[in-house]
Protein backbone atom coordinates (compact mmCIF):
# COMPACT_ATOMS: atom_id res chain seq x y z
CA UNK A 1 24.30 79.78 87.78
CA UNK A 2 28.04 80.46 88.09
CA UNK A 3 30.66 78.25 86.49
CA UNK A 4 31.88 77.26 89.96
CA UNK A 5 28.38 76.08 90.90
CA UNK A 6 27.99 74.27 87.59
CA UNK A 7 31.28 72.42 88.06
CA UNK A 8 30.57 71.47 91.67
CA UNK A 9 26.98 70.39 90.98
CA UNK A 10 28.04 68.32 87.97
CA UNK A 11 30.64 66.45 90.03
CA UNK A 12 28.19 65.90 92.89
CA UNK A 13 25.65 64.57 90.38
CA UNK A 14 28.16 62.03 89.08
CA UNK A 15 29.05 60.94 92.63
CA UNK A 16 25.38 60.45 93.51
CA UNK A 17 24.69 58.35 90.39
CA UNK A 18 25.79 54.76 90.86
CA UNK A 19 25.95 54.19 87.09
CA UNK A 20 29.31 56.01 87.21
CA UNK A 21 32.28 54.20 88.71
CA UNK A 22 36.08 54.37 88.82
CA UNK A 23 38.40 53.35 85.98
CA UNK A 24 41.67 54.37 84.38
CA UNK A 25 40.78 52.47 81.21
CA UNK A 26 41.60 54.93 78.42
CA UNK A 27 38.45 54.00 76.51
CA UNK A 28 36.05 54.65 79.40
CA UNK A 29 37.64 57.16 81.79
CA UNK A 30 35.87 60.15 80.21
CA UNK A 31 32.45 58.68 80.90
CA UNK A 32 30.47 56.90 81.97
CA UNK A 33 33.29 55.98 84.38
CA UNK A 34 36.05 58.34 85.53
CA UNK A 35 39.33 58.40 87.36
CA UNK A 36 40.32 61.19 89.75
CA UNK A 37 41.64 63.61 87.12
CA UNK A 38 39.09 62.94 84.37
CA UNK A 39 36.29 63.57 86.91
CA UNK A 40 37.58 67.01 87.95
CA UNK A 41 38.66 67.99 84.42
CA UNK A 42 35.25 66.95 83.04
CA UNK A 43 33.45 68.91 85.76
CA UNK A 44 35.10 72.15 84.68
CA UNK A 45 34.86 71.35 80.98
CA UNK A 46 31.10 70.82 81.39
CA UNK A 47 30.91 74.11 83.31
CA UNK A 48 32.27 75.97 80.29
CA UNK A 49 35.94 76.21 81.26
CA UNK A 50 37.85 74.52 78.36
CA UNK A 51 40.70 73.05 80.38
CA UNK A 52 40.70 69.82 78.32
CA UNK A 53 39.49 70.89 74.89
CA UNK A 54 41.81 73.91 74.74
CA UNK A 55 44.18 73.43 77.67
CA UNK A 56 45.17 69.83 77.01
CA UNK A 57 44.52 68.73 80.60
CA UNK A 58 44.19 64.93 80.59
CA UNK A 59 45.75 63.84 83.90
CA UNK A 60 47.02 65.22 87.20
CA UNK A 61 50.41 65.92 85.66
CA UNK A 62 48.89 68.40 83.22
CA UNK A 63 46.33 70.03 85.51
CA UNK A 64 48.51 73.02 86.32
CA UNK A 65 47.34 74.21 82.90
CA UNK A 66 44.16 75.17 84.79
CA UNK A 67 46.11 78.34 85.64
CA UNK A 68 45.81 79.41 82.00
CA UNK A 69 42.00 79.37 82.16
CA UNK A 70 41.06 81.68 85.00
CA UNK A 71 42.40 79.70 87.94
CA UNK A 72 44.94 81.04 90.40
CA UNK A 73 47.22 79.31 92.87
CA UNK A 74 45.93 79.93 96.41
CA UNK A 75 48.01 77.22 98.08
CA UNK A 76 49.77 79.70 100.36
CA UNK A 77 46.50 81.11 101.69
CA UNK A 78 44.94 77.85 102.90
CA UNK A 79 45.81 75.32 105.58
CA UNK A 80 46.22 72.11 103.62
CA UNK A 81 46.37 70.04 106.80
CA UNK A 82 42.88 71.06 107.95
CA UNK A 83 41.29 72.57 104.86
CA UNK A 84 40.83 75.92 106.57
CA UNK A 85 40.58 78.69 104.00
CA UNK A 86 39.40 76.46 101.16
CA UNK A 87 36.28 77.43 99.24
CA UNK A 88 33.59 75.63 97.26
CA UNK A 89 35.04 74.77 93.85
CA UNK A 90 38.70 74.75 94.91
CA UNK A 91 40.71 72.07 93.08
CA UNK A 92 43.00 70.05 95.36
CA UNK A 93 45.96 68.72 93.39
CA UNK A 94 48.87 66.37 93.86
CA UNK A 95 50.41 66.52 90.41
CA UNK A 96 51.88 63.04 90.64
CA UNK A 97 49.06 61.06 92.11
CA UNK A 98 45.59 62.46 92.90
CA UNK A 99 43.05 65.30 92.71
CA UNK A 100 39.70 66.20 94.29
CA UNK A 101 37.41 69.21 94.53
CA UNK A 102 36.09 71.07 97.58
CA UNK A 103 32.30 71.33 97.68
CA UNK A 104 31.96 73.33 100.92
CA UNK A 105 30.97 72.28 104.41
CA UNK A 106 34.31 70.58 104.95
CA UNK A 107 33.68 68.04 102.19
CA UNK A 108 35.30 67.03 98.89
CA UNK A 109 34.13 65.07 95.88
CA UNK A 110 36.55 62.62 94.28
CA UNK A 111 37.07 59.44 92.27
CA UNK A 112 39.11 56.97 94.35
CA UNK A 113 39.42 53.34 93.25
CA UNK A 114 37.38 50.46 91.83
CA UNK A 115 35.77 47.64 93.81
CA UNK A 116 39.05 45.73 93.85
CA UNK A 117 41.01 48.63 95.29
CA UNK A 118 42.73 49.25 91.98
CA UNK A 119 42.38 51.25 88.81
CA UNK A 120 41.61 48.64 86.13
CA UNK A 121 39.46 45.55 85.74
CA UNK A 122 36.38 46.67 87.65
CA UNK A 123 32.79 46.49 86.51
CA UNK A 124 31.13 49.61 85.05
CA UNK A 125 29.35 51.76 87.62
CA UNK A 126 29.97 52.23 91.31
CA UNK A 127 30.04 48.81 92.95
CA UNK A 128 30.93 49.98 96.46
CA UNK A 129 29.48 53.48 96.86
CA UNK A 130 33.02 54.74 97.32
CA UNK A 131 34.38 54.64 93.78
CA UNK A 132 33.19 58.20 93.05
CA UNK A 133 32.00 59.73 96.29
CA UNK A 134 31.76 62.62 98.71
CA UNK A 135 33.87 62.53 101.85
CA UNK A 136 35.28 64.81 104.53
CA UNK A 137 38.27 66.98 103.70
CA UNK A 138 41.67 65.34 104.14
CA UNK A 139 45.25 66.13 103.12
CA UNK A 140 46.42 63.62 100.49
CA UNK A 141 48.93 65.53 100.70
CA UNK A 142 48.08 68.26 98.25
CA UNK A 143 50.83 70.19 96.47
CA UNK A 144 48.49 72.82 95.09
CA UNK A 145 45.12 74.40 95.73
CA UNK A 146 43.73 76.03 92.58
CA UNK A 147 40.80 78.46 92.68
CA UNK A 148 38.72 79.63 89.76
CA UNK A 149 38.80 83.43 89.66
CA UNK A 150 35.21 83.90 88.59
CA UNK A 151 33.98 87.48 88.45
CA UNK A 152 30.40 87.34 89.68
CA UNK A 153 28.21 90.37 89.29
CA UNK A 154 25.37 91.24 91.63
CA UNK A 155 22.06 89.83 90.40
CA UNK A 156 19.71 91.05 93.13
CA UNK A 157 19.45 93.42 96.07
CA UNK A 158 16.83 93.15 98.81
CA UNK A 159 16.08 95.16 101.96
CA UNK A 160 14.89 93.58 105.19
CA UNK A 161 11.80 95.86 105.28
CA UNK A 162 9.42 96.95 102.54
CA UNK A 163 8.17 99.86 104.66
CA UNK A 164 8.58 101.44 108.07
CA UNK A 165 6.66 104.15 109.92
CA UNK A 166 8.44 106.50 112.30
CA UNK A 167 7.81 109.63 114.27
CA UNK A 168 10.01 112.69 113.80
CA UNK A 169 13.57 112.17 115.14
CA UNK A 170 13.14 108.38 115.39
CA UNK A 171 15.70 106.19 113.60
CA UNK A 172 15.76 102.71 112.14
CA UNK A 173 18.57 100.66 110.62
CA UNK A 174 17.80 99.01 107.30
CA UNK A 175 19.81 96.03 106.11
CA UNK A 176 20.51 95.21 102.47
CA UNK A 177 21.29 91.72 101.19
CA UNK A 178 23.24 91.27 97.97
CA UNK A 179 23.03 88.13 95.83
CA UNK A 180 24.94 86.07 95.07
CA UNK A 181 26.94 86.21 98.28
CA UNK A 182 30.09 85.39 96.31
CA UNK A 183 29.69 88.36 93.97
CA UNK A 184 32.49 90.87 93.63
CA UNK A 185 31.93 94.55 94.37
CA UNK A 186 28.91 94.18 96.64
CA UNK A 187 29.10 97.75 97.92
CA UNK A 188 25.74 99.37 98.65
CA UNK A 189 25.01 103.09 98.53
CA UNK A 190 21.92 104.34 100.39
CA UNK A 191 19.89 107.37 99.37
CA UNK A 192 16.58 109.12 100.18
CA UNK A 193 14.08 110.47 97.68
CA UNK A 194 12.98 113.19 100.11
CA UNK A 195 15.61 114.34 102.61
CA UNK A 196 13.18 116.86 104.09
CA UNK A 197 11.14 113.89 105.37
CA UNK A 198 13.82 111.26 106.04
CA UNK A 199 17.58 111.06 105.66
CA UNK A 200 19.72 107.94 105.43
CA UNK A 201 23.39 107.33 106.08
CA UNK A 202 24.83 106.46 102.67
CA UNK A 203 27.00 103.65 104.01
CA UNK A 204 25.18 101.96 106.89
CA UNK A 205 21.45 102.32 106.11
CA UNK A 206 20.51 104.21 109.28
CA UNK A 207 17.34 106.19 108.52
CA UNK A 208 16.31 109.20 110.59
CA UNK A 209 12.83 110.75 110.36
CA UNK A 210 12.71 114.53 109.95
CA UNK A 211 9.18 115.72 109.15
CA UNK A 212 5.69 114.44 108.35
CA UNK A 213 5.43 112.83 104.91
CA UNK A 214 6.89 109.91 103.02
CA UNK A 215 10.18 109.08 101.36
CA UNK A 216 11.63 106.21 99.37
CA UNK A 217 14.92 104.84 100.69
CA UNK A 218 17.01 103.14 98.00
CA UNK A 219 19.85 100.66 98.47
CA UNK A 220 21.80 100.48 95.20
CA UNK A 221 24.75 98.50 93.99
CA UNK A 222 26.28 100.90 91.48
CA UNK A 223 28.46 98.25 89.84
CA UNK A 224 25.44 96.26 88.64
CA UNK A 225 22.71 98.88 88.79
CA UNK A 226 20.60 96.55 90.96
CA UNK A 227 18.66 98.17 93.78
CA UNK A 228 15.86 97.74 96.31
CA UNK A 229 13.61 100.25 98.02
CA UNK A 230 11.87 100.76 101.34
CA UNK A 231 9.03 103.24 101.89
CA UNK A 232 9.42 105.41 104.98
CA UNK A 233 6.38 107.12 106.50
CA UNK A 234 6.88 109.85 109.06
CA UNK A 235 3.72 110.12 111.13
CA UNK A 236 2.00 113.29 112.25
CA UNK A 237 -0.80 113.63 114.81
CA UNK A 238 -2.66 110.39 114.05
CA UNK A 239 -4.68 110.65 117.26
CA UNK A 240 -7.21 112.80 115.40
CA UNK A 241 -7.78 110.04 112.86
CA UNK A 242 -8.19 107.38 115.55
CA UNK A 243 -10.63 109.59 117.46
CA UNK A 244 -12.63 110.08 114.25
CA UNK A 245 -12.80 106.34 113.64
CA UNK A 246 -14.06 105.57 117.12
CA UNK A 247 -16.47 108.49 117.29
CA UNK A 248 -18.23 107.79 113.98
CA UNK A 249 -18.11 103.99 113.99
CA UNK A 250 -18.41 103.12 117.67
CA UNK A 251 -20.06 106.27 119.00
CA UNK A 252 -17.38 106.88 121.61
CA UNK A 253 -13.83 108.10 122.08
CA UNK A 254 -11.04 105.54 122.49
CA UNK A 255 -9.75 104.84 125.97
CA UNK A 256 -6.01 105.18 126.58
CA UNK A 257 -5.31 101.51 125.91
CA UNK A 258 -7.28 101.51 122.66
CA UNK A 259 -5.62 104.73 121.53
CA UNK A 260 -2.15 103.29 122.07
CA UNK A 261 -3.09 99.98 120.43
CA UNK A 262 -4.39 101.71 117.31
CA UNK A 263 -1.36 104.01 117.17
CA UNK A 264 0.73 100.82 117.00
CA UNK A 265 -1.57 99.31 114.36
CA UNK A 266 -1.07 102.34 112.13
CA UNK A 267 2.66 102.50 112.79
CA UNK A 268 3.33 98.79 112.26
CA UNK A 269 0.79 98.23 109.48
CA UNK A 270 -1.46 100.89 107.96
CA UNK A 271 -4.45 103.17 108.27
CA UNK A 272 -6.58 100.60 106.42
CA UNK A 273 -5.74 97.95 109.01
CA UNK A 274 -7.03 100.31 111.72
CA UNK A 275 -10.24 100.89 109.72
CA UNK A 276 -10.81 97.17 109.25
CA UNK A 277 -10.18 96.40 112.92
CA UNK A 278 -12.80 98.95 114.02
CA UNK A 279 -15.54 97.87 111.59
CA UNK A 280 -14.77 94.17 112.03
CA UNK A 281 -14.97 94.43 115.81
CA UNK A 282 -17.72 92.70 117.76
CA UNK A 283 -18.54 96.11 119.22
CA UNK A 284 -19.43 97.55 115.82
CA UNK A 285 -21.14 94.42 114.55
CA UNK A 286 -23.21 94.36 117.72
CA UNK A 287 -24.81 97.66 116.70
CA UNK A 288 -26.65 95.85 113.86
CA UNK A 289 -26.47 98.84 111.56
CA UNK A 290 -28.51 98.75 108.33
CA UNK A 291 -26.69 98.95 104.98
CA UNK A 292 -27.69 102.60 104.71
CA UNK A 293 -26.35 103.36 108.19
CA UNK A 294 -23.18 101.33 107.51
CA UNK A 295 -22.35 103.36 104.41
CA UNK A 296 -22.89 106.62 106.32
CA UNK A 297 -20.68 105.37 109.15
CA UNK A 298 -17.93 104.50 106.65
CA UNK A 299 -17.97 107.91 105.00
CA UNK A 300 -17.87 109.74 108.32
CA UNK A 301 -15.23 107.52 109.93
CA UNK A 302 -12.94 107.13 106.91
CA UNK A 303 -13.43 110.37 104.98
CA UNK A 304 -14.63 112.63 107.77
CA UNK A 305 -17.79 113.70 105.97
CA UNK A 306 -21.34 112.67 105.21
CA UNK A 307 -21.73 110.73 101.96
CA UNK A 308 -22.78 112.46 98.76
CA UNK A 309 -25.99 110.98 97.42
CA UNK A 310 -24.49 109.42 94.28
CA UNK A 311 -21.58 107.90 96.19
CA UNK A 312 -23.88 106.47 98.83
CA UNK A 313 -26.25 105.02 96.25
CA UNK A 314 -23.35 103.40 94.41
CA UNK A 315 -22.23 101.65 97.61
CA UNK A 316 -25.79 100.50 98.35
CA UNK A 317 -26.16 99.17 94.80
CA UNK A 318 -22.96 97.18 95.18
CA UNK A 319 -24.25 95.53 98.36
CA UNK A 320 -27.64 94.92 96.77
CA UNK A 321 -25.82 93.11 93.97
CA UNK A 322 -24.07 90.86 96.48
CA UNK A 323 -20.81 92.61 97.40
CA UNK A 324 -19.86 92.36 101.07
CA UNK A 325 -19.37 95.14 103.60
CA UNK A 326 -15.63 94.43 103.50
CA UNK A 327 -15.74 95.33 99.82
CA UNK A 328 -17.42 98.65 100.68
CA UNK A 329 -14.66 99.36 103.20
CA UNK A 330 -12.15 98.61 100.44
CA UNK A 331 -13.87 100.96 97.98
CA UNK A 332 -13.98 103.93 100.34
CA UNK A 333 -10.55 103.44 101.93
CA UNK A 334 -8.95 102.93 98.52
CA UNK A 335 -10.21 106.29 97.24
CA UNK A 336 -7.98 109.16 96.16
CA UNK A 337 -9.69 111.27 98.81
CA UNK A 338 -8.51 108.99 101.60
CA UNK A 339 -5.08 108.57 100.01
CA UNK A 340 -4.60 112.34 100.13
CA UNK A 341 -5.71 112.41 103.77
CA UNK A 342 -3.17 109.68 104.65
CA UNK A 343 -0.39 111.61 102.89
CA UNK A 344 -1.19 114.67 104.96
CA UNK A 345 -0.67 112.70 108.18
CA UNK A 346 2.28 110.68 106.92
CA UNK A 347 0.30 107.44 107.29
CA UNK A 348 0.79 104.38 105.14
CA UNK A 349 -2.59 103.97 103.47
CA UNK A 350 -2.41 100.21 102.97
CA UNK A 351 -5.26 98.24 101.50
CA UNK A 352 -8.19 96.24 102.83
CA UNK A 353 -8.03 92.82 101.26
CA UNK A 354 -10.87 90.39 100.77
CA UNK A 355 -11.02 86.62 100.56
CA UNK A 356 -14.61 85.91 99.58
CA UNK A 357 -15.14 85.00 95.93
CA UNK A 358 -18.06 87.40 95.67
CA UNK A 359 -15.72 90.35 96.32
CA UNK A 360 -13.20 89.44 93.63
CA UNK A 361 -15.19 90.50 90.57
CA UNK A 362 -18.12 92.94 90.70
CA UNK A 363 -19.57 91.87 87.36
CA UNK A 364 -19.49 88.15 88.17
CA UNK A 365 -21.28 88.81 91.45
CA UNK A 366 -23.89 90.99 89.76
CA UNK A 367 -24.56 88.24 87.19
CA UNK A 368 -24.96 85.55 89.85
CA UNK A 369 -27.09 87.79 92.06
CA UNK A 370 -29.50 88.47 89.19
CA UNK A 371 -29.63 84.76 88.36
CA UNK A 372 -30.75 83.98 91.91
CA UNK A 373 -33.41 86.68 91.97
CA UNK A 374 -34.83 85.93 88.51
CA UNK A 375 -34.30 82.18 88.49
CA UNK A 376 -34.89 81.12 92.08
CA UNK A 377 -37.09 84.01 93.14
CA UNK A 378 -34.94 85.04 96.07
CA UNK A 379 -31.92 87.08 97.03
CA UNK A 380 -28.70 85.11 96.82
CA UNK A 381 -27.30 83.80 100.09
CA UNK A 382 -23.62 84.42 100.81
CA UNK A 383 -22.69 80.75 100.40
CA UNK A 384 -24.41 80.58 97.03
CA UNK A 385 -22.76 83.79 95.83
CA UNK A 386 -19.31 82.56 96.78
CA UNK A 387 -19.92 79.15 95.24
CA UNK A 388 -21.24 80.39 91.89
CA UNK A 389 -18.74 83.26 91.54
CA UNK A 390 -16.04 80.74 92.38
CA UNK A 391 -17.12 78.71 89.36
CA UNK A 392 -16.74 81.74 87.10
CA UNK A 393 -13.44 82.82 88.69
CA UNK A 394 -12.05 79.35 87.99
CA UNK A 395 -12.90 79.53 84.30
CA UNK A 396 -16.48 78.30 84.41
CA UNK A 397 -19.09 79.50 81.94
CA UNK A 398 -22.38 81.33 81.91
CA UNK A 399 -24.07 78.19 80.60
CA UNK A 400 -22.80 76.23 83.60
CA UNK A 401 -24.30 78.76 86.02
CA UNK A 402 -27.65 78.64 84.20
CA UNK A 403 -27.72 74.86 84.22
CA UNK A 404 -26.94 74.73 87.94
CA UNK A 405 -29.73 77.21 88.64
CA UNK A 406 -32.49 75.72 86.48
CA UNK A 407 -31.64 72.06 87.02
CA UNK A 408 -31.38 72.48 90.79
CA UNK A 409 -33.68 70.80 93.29
CA UNK A 410 -34.58 74.25 94.58
CA UNK A 411 -35.87 75.34 91.19
CA UNK A 412 -37.73 72.07 90.69
CA UNK A 413 -39.44 72.57 94.04
CA UNK A 414 -40.85 75.87 92.80
CA UNK A 415 -43.11 73.79 90.49
CA UNK A 416 -43.18 76.39 87.76
CA UNK A 417 -45.53 75.88 84.82
CA UNK A 418 -44.11 75.74 81.30
CA UNK A 419 -45.25 79.31 80.76
CA UNK A 420 -43.57 80.46 83.97
CA UNK A 421 -40.44 78.45 83.11
CA UNK A 422 -40.07 80.26 79.77
CA UNK A 423 -40.62 83.62 81.42
CA UNK A 424 -37.95 82.72 83.99
CA UNK A 425 -35.53 81.83 81.17
CA UNK A 426 -36.07 85.17 79.46
CA UNK A 427 -35.59 87.07 82.72
CA UNK A 428 -32.58 85.05 83.89
CA UNK A 429 -30.70 83.94 80.77
CA UNK A 430 -31.46 86.88 78.49
CA UNK A 431 -32.10 89.40 81.29
CA UNK A 432 -35.23 90.82 79.73
CA UNK A 433 -38.94 90.33 79.43
CA UNK A 434 -40.61 88.75 76.40
CA UNK A 435 -43.68 89.30 74.25
CA UNK A 436 -46.60 86.92 74.25
CA UNK A 437 -45.66 85.49 70.84
CA UNK A 438 -42.07 84.80 71.94
CA UNK A 439 -43.26 82.98 75.03
CA UNK A 440 -45.94 81.03 73.17
CA UNK A 441 -43.45 79.54 70.70
CA UNK A 442 -41.31 78.02 73.46
CA UNK A 443 -44.31 76.92 75.53
CA UNK A 444 -45.83 75.11 72.57
CA UNK A 445 -42.61 73.14 72.09
CA UNK A 446 -42.55 72.22 75.78
CA UNK A 447 -46.18 71.15 75.69
CA UNK A 448 -45.37 69.00 72.66
CA UNK A 449 -42.71 67.11 74.64
CA UNK A 450 -39.51 69.07 74.37
CA UNK A 451 -37.45 68.73 77.57
CA UNK A 452 -36.73 71.68 79.79
CA UNK A 453 -32.97 71.21 79.52
CA UNK A 454 -33.21 71.29 75.72
CA UNK A 455 -35.21 74.48 76.01
CA UNK A 456 -32.51 75.91 78.27
CA UNK A 457 -29.93 74.99 75.64
CA UNK A 458 -31.95 76.93 73.09
CA UNK A 459 -31.59 80.05 75.23
CA UNK A 460 -27.90 79.74 76.15
CA UNK A 461 -26.88 79.10 72.53
CA UNK A 462 -28.36 82.37 71.29
CA UNK A 463 -26.24 85.27 70.14
CA UNK A 464 -28.05 87.36 72.73
CA UNK A 465 -26.67 85.23 75.57
CA UNK A 466 -23.22 85.14 73.97
CA UNK A 467 -23.21 88.94 74.02
CA UNK A 468 -24.26 88.97 77.68
CA UNK A 469 -21.44 86.60 78.63
CA UNK A 470 -18.93 88.69 76.69
CA UNK A 471 -20.09 91.82 78.48
CA UNK A 472 -19.70 90.16 81.87
CA UNK A 473 -16.30 88.75 80.96
CA UNK A 474 -16.70 84.96 81.01
CA UNK A 475 -17.23 82.30 78.30
CA UNK A 476 -20.64 81.26 77.06
CA UNK A 477 -19.93 77.55 77.50
CA UNK A 478 -22.14 74.60 76.68
CA UNK A 479 -24.71 72.39 78.34
C-alpha cells in the first residue's frame, strides 16, 4: 500500500474509533487523543514520512516543513473555495489556526474541538462523534494545499479479454488496465508474437487478424516490466469440423441455423465447447448408444478416424472403472492429436471440464469401483461413486471407505457367512484371493466370538493394505 493510502487510512481509522477524542493537552495530544495538527502529522509519521521525528513538525505553524519530505505546494492548482482539483491525501493548511486532510469523494478528515467546544478540559475519547471526524470539504480558509509527491510504480497490468477468435481481416480493440491508477508512467506498449497471424497497433491495442493460426498479444508497461497477454485465434474453414461432429455423432449434417450457432460457439468459446454441446444434446443421448459405440463416435467426431484398438480399450476400461462419458470426452479432446488439428484450423482448443467427484481422480474411482464389486457384489451406482470418491478427495482414508462398505445395511442384508465375509475382505481390502489356511485362521477367530469390525481392523492395519493405500494416493486411516 502507498504511503498516501497508509496516511489516509490511519486518519480515517482514528476518526472511526470513539476512544480517540480532541485535546490540545501537551501530555495527551499525540495519542490517544489528538488536536488538528497532531492528527495529520501523526498520520504521515505512521505512514513512514518522518515529518515529526526528523522534520520537527509539532503544530500548524511548523507544518510547512512537510515540503522538505516529499510534499509540494499545489495551492495554485486547486480551487480552495470548492475543493476542485484536490486529491486523496492532500493536506489542507492554515498555518495559524487549523489543518485537515482530503480523503477523496469531496470529504476531509479532521480533529475539531472537544465536547465543550474548546481545546482543553474534555474527557478522553470522542464524546460527540464530531471531535475527530469525517465531513464534507469546506474552505477554512486554507492558505496552503500540500501534496505528497509519491512515485508509484505499476504493480499489475490486465487485459479485458484472455482470448479472442477472429476471421481474417477482422479487428478487435483490446483494453489494458494498469494498477494502481495513481501510478506514474502508466504507458502501455502492445506487441504480437506472430505478426503473420495477427498484428496490433502498438499504442491503442487494435488487433487485426491476418491469417489462420494463433498469436499472443502482449500489453507491457516497460517502466515496471509488468505485462498481460491475450491469445488471438484466427479461424480457418471450421465448417468442415462442425460437419464432422454432426455427421459422426448425430448421423446428419447441420442445418443452416445449427451451423451458424456452432460457428459462434467455436468463435466465442472453443472447439471443446462445441464437442460437449453435441454429445450432451438430447438428440445424441436419445440414440442410447452403448459404451463401445460411444467411444467409436467420439473418435470419429473429434479425431476424424476410427479408434485404434488399444485406445478404444483404454476408454472402455475407464468407464468400466466408473469414469463418466464426460471424462472420456475430456480424454479424447485433450489429446495432442486434437490439439494439432485445432492449431491447423486456428481454433481455440479449450477444455471439457467435469464436476462429478468420480471424474476428478482416476485412481480413487477405480478403488471405490472395485470396493463395490468385491464388497457389495454389484457395480457401483453413480451416486455411490461420487459419494465415496468425495470422501477420499476431501482427505478421507481407505479405512473409512472399507468401514462404510462392510458396516453398511446393504452389506448386512447380503447375509454372508463368516467364511464368505473373510473372502470378501481379502478380495476388497487386500484386492486378492486367499489360500484355505489364510481363510481358516480368520474364520476360526470369528467363530470363537471375534466381532466382524475387529476382523476388518485386522485387515486394514496390515502393511499390505498400507501399501495399497499408498499406491492409490490416500491415507490408510483408522477404524
